[in-house]
Amino acid sequence: MLMSPEDSVAEAAVGLFGDPLRARIVRLLATEQMCTCHLIEHTGARQTTVSHHLRLLRQAGLVETEPRGRYTYYRLRPEAVASAADGLRD
């Protein structure tokens, strides 16, 4: 069975949001931008684990960064999230 581009978008979205911690990070970032230390505090996960999930979300284009001094703040890219949702809906 051949996959269409829409199938690959949907599969990528399911893969990204299928992990409970990654889904929680996305939900937290949907409310406001946060740095890694805030995400660690809200999820209770270790720094290396949170950083790993943020890296995957950045690579997928769902999250963008903004350096501020010693900290890097993360926020969702609304257009990327909307595109992933459209892929799942179709």
C-alpha atoms as a PDB file:
ATOM      1  CA  MET A   1       0.000   0.000   0.000  1.00  0.00           C
ATOM      2  CA  LEU A   2       1.418   3.380  -1.000  1.00  0.00           C
ATOM      3  CA  MET A   3       1.302   6.292   1.414  1.00  0.00           C
ATOM      4  CA  SER A   4       0.200   9.743   0.369  1.00  0.00           C
ATOM      5  CA  PRO A   5       1.880  12.903   1.733  1.00  0.00           C
ATOM      6  CA  GLU A   6      -1.140  13.388   3.988  1.00  0.00           C
ATOM      7  CA  ASP A   7      -0.589   9.928   5.477  1.00  0.00           C
ATOM      8  CA  SER A   8       3.009  10.760   6.335  1.00  0.00           C
ATOM      9  CA  VAL A   9       1.943  14.027   8.028  1.00  0.00           C
ATOM     10  CA  ALA A  10      -0.675  12.170  10.054  1.00  0.00           C
ATOM     11  CA  GLU A  11       1.778   9.416  11.005  1.00  0.00           C
ATOM     12  CA  ALA A  12       4.400  11.968  12.018  1.00  0.00           C
ATOM     13  CA  ALA A  13       1.838  13.808  14.172  1.00  0.00           C
ATOM     14  CA  VAL A  14       0.722  10.582  15.844  1.00  0.00           C
ATOM     15  CA  GLY A  15       4.356   9.670  16.482  1.00  0.00           C
ATOM     16  CA  LEU A  16       5.101  13.064  17.996  1.00  0.00           C
ATOM     17  CA  PHE A  17       1.974  13.319  20.131  1.00  0.00           C
ATOM     18  CA  GLY A  18       1.851   9.599  20.931  1.00  0.00           C
ATOM     19  CA  ASP A  19       4.409   9.966  23.687  1.00  0.00           C
ATOM     20  CA  PRO A  20       2.630  11.101  26.893  1.00  0.00           C
ATOM     21  CA  LEU A  21       5.432  13.411  28.045  1.00  0.00           C
ATOM     22  CA  ARG A  22       5.809  15.007  24.616  1.00  0.00           C
ATOM     23  CA  ALA A  23       2.044  15.526  24.442  1.00  0.00           C
ATOM     24  CA  ARG A  24       2.152  17.164  27.884  1.00  0.00           C
ATOM     25  CA  ILE A  25       4.962  19.472  26.774  1.00  0.00           C
ATOM     26  CA  VAL A  26       2.893  20.508  23.745  1.00  0.00           C
ATOM     27  CA  ARG A  27      -0.131  21.173  25.981  1.00  0.00           C
ATOM     28  CA  LEU A  28       1.999  23.310  28.307  1.00  0.00           C
ATOM     29  CA  LEU A  29       3.513  25.249  25.414  1.00  0.00           C
ATOM     30  CA  ALA A  30       0.024  25.818  24.017  1.00  0.00           C
ATOM     31  CA  THR A  31      -0.697  28.037  27.022  1.00  0.00           C
ATOM     32  CA  GLU A  32       2.546  30.055  27.079  1.00  0.00           C
ATOM     33  CA  GLN A  33       6.190  29.982  26.102  1.00  0.00           C
ATOM     34  CA  MET A  34       8.455  28.309  28.631  1.00  0.00           C
ATOM     35  CA  CYS A  35      12.087  27.537  29.252  1.00  0.00           C
ATOM     36  CA  THR A  36      13.358  24.045  29.971  1.00  0.00           C
ATOM     37  CA  CYS A  37      13.449  24.692  33.715  1.00  0.00           C
ATOM     38  CA  HIS A  38       9.715  25.537  33.713  1.00  0.00           C
ATOM     39  CA  LEU A  39       8.903  22.400  31.722  1.00  0.00           C
ATOM     40  CA  ILE A  40      10.954  20.294  34.156  1.00  0.00           C
ATOM     41  CA  GLU A  41       9.067  21.818  37.074  1.00  0.00           C
ATOM     42  CA  HIS A  42       5.634  21.230  35.502  1.00  0.00           C
ATOM     43  CA  THR A  43       6.287  17.695  34.239  1.00  0.00           C
ATOM     44  CA  GLY A  44       8.626  16.315  36.893  1.00  0.00           C
ATOM     45  CA  ALA A  45      10.792  14.853  34.126  1.00  0.00           C
ATOM     46  CA  ARG A  46      14.586  15.011  34.094  1.00  0.00           C
ATOM     47  CA  GLN A  47      16.341  17.787  32.171  1.00  0.00           C
ATOM     48  CA  THR A  48      17.862  15.393  29.639  1.00  0.00           C
ATOM     49  CA  THR A  49      14.462  13.848  28.929  1.00  0.00           C
ATOM     50  CA  VAL A  50      12.735  17.207  28.451  1.00  0.00           C
ATOM     51  CA  SER A  51      15.592  18.408  26.225  1.00  0.00           C
ATOM     52  CA  HIS A  52      15.313  15.260  24.112  1.00  0.00           C
ATOM     53  CA  HIS A  53      11.591  15.787  23.532  1.00  0.00           C
ATOM     54  CA  LEU A  54      12.084  19.480  22.772  1.00  0.00           C
ATOM     55  CA  ARG A  55      14.737  18.563  20.212  1.00  0.00           C
ATOM     56  CA  LEU A  56      12.314  16.195  18.473  1.00  0.00           C
ATOM     57  CA  LEU A  57       9.600  18.857  18.463  1.00  0.00           C
ATOM     58  CA  ARG A  58      12.057  21.420  17.039  1.00  0.00           C
ATOM     59  CA  GLN A  59      13.202  19.003  14.336  1.00  0.00           C
ATOM     60  CA  ALA A  60       9.565  18.416  13.390  1.00  0.00           C
ATOM     61  CA  GLY A  61       9.092  22.174  13.093  1.00  0.00           C
ATOM     62  CA  LEU A  62       6.421  22.362  15.796  1.00  0.00           C
ATOM     63  CA  VAL A  63       8.481  24.386  18.270  1.00  0.00           C
ATOM     64  CA  GLU A  64      10.687  27.436  17.864  1.00  0.00           C
ATOM     65  CA  THR A  65      13.205  28.897  20.283  1.00  0.00           C
ATOM     66  CA  GLU A  66      14.081  32.334  21.596  1.00  0.00           C
ATOM     67  CA  PRO A  67      17.347  32.744  23.499  1.00  0.00           C
ATOM     68  CA  ARG A  68      17.165  35.083  26.522  1.00  0.00           C
ATOM     69  CA  GLY A  69      20.416  35.363  28.408  1.00  0.00           C
ATOM     70  CA  ARG A  70      21.235  31.986  29.944  1.00  0.00           C
ATOM     71  CA  TYR A  71      17.836  30.539  29.076  1.00  0.00           C
ATOM     72  CA  THR A  72      16.161  29.415  25.891  1.00  0.00           C
ATOM     73  CA  TYR A  73      12.406  29.809  25.713  1.00  0.00           C
ATOM     74  CA  TYR A  74      10.275  27.472  23.625  1.00  0.00           C
ATOM     75  CA  ARG A  75       6.939  28.177  21.982  1.00  0.00           C
ATOM     76  CA  LEU A  76       4.675  26.338  19.596  1.00  0.00           C
ATOM     77  CA  ARG A  77       4.522  27.378  15.964  1.00  0.00           C
ATOM     78  CA  PRO A  78       0.737  27.714  15.491  1.00  0.00           C
ATOM     79  CA  GLU A  79       0.891  27.218  11.733  1.00  0.00           C
ATOM     80  CA  ALA A  80       2.818  23.956  12.145  1.00  0.00           C
ATOM     81  CA  VAL A  81       0.377  22.651  14.751  1.00  0.00           C
ATOM     82  CA  ALA A  82      -2.558  23.611  12.498  1.00  0.00           C
ATOM     83  CA  SER A  83      -0.914  21.799   9.591  1.00  0.00           C
ATOM     84  CA  ALA A  84      -0.437  18.652  11.703  1.00  0.00           C
ATOM     85  CA  ALA A  85      -4.072  18.849  12.828  1.00  0.00           C
ATOM     86  CA  ASP A  86      -5.214  19.218   9.215  1.00  0.00           C
ATOM     87  CA  GLY A  87      -3.181  16.152   8.269  1.00  0.00           C
ATOM     88  CA  LEU A  88      -4.893  14.140  10.997  1.00  0.00           C
ATOM     89  CA  ARG A  89      -8.326  15.433  10.078  1.00  0.00           C
ATOM     90  CA  ASP A  90      -7.916  14.523   6.398  1.00  0.00           C
END
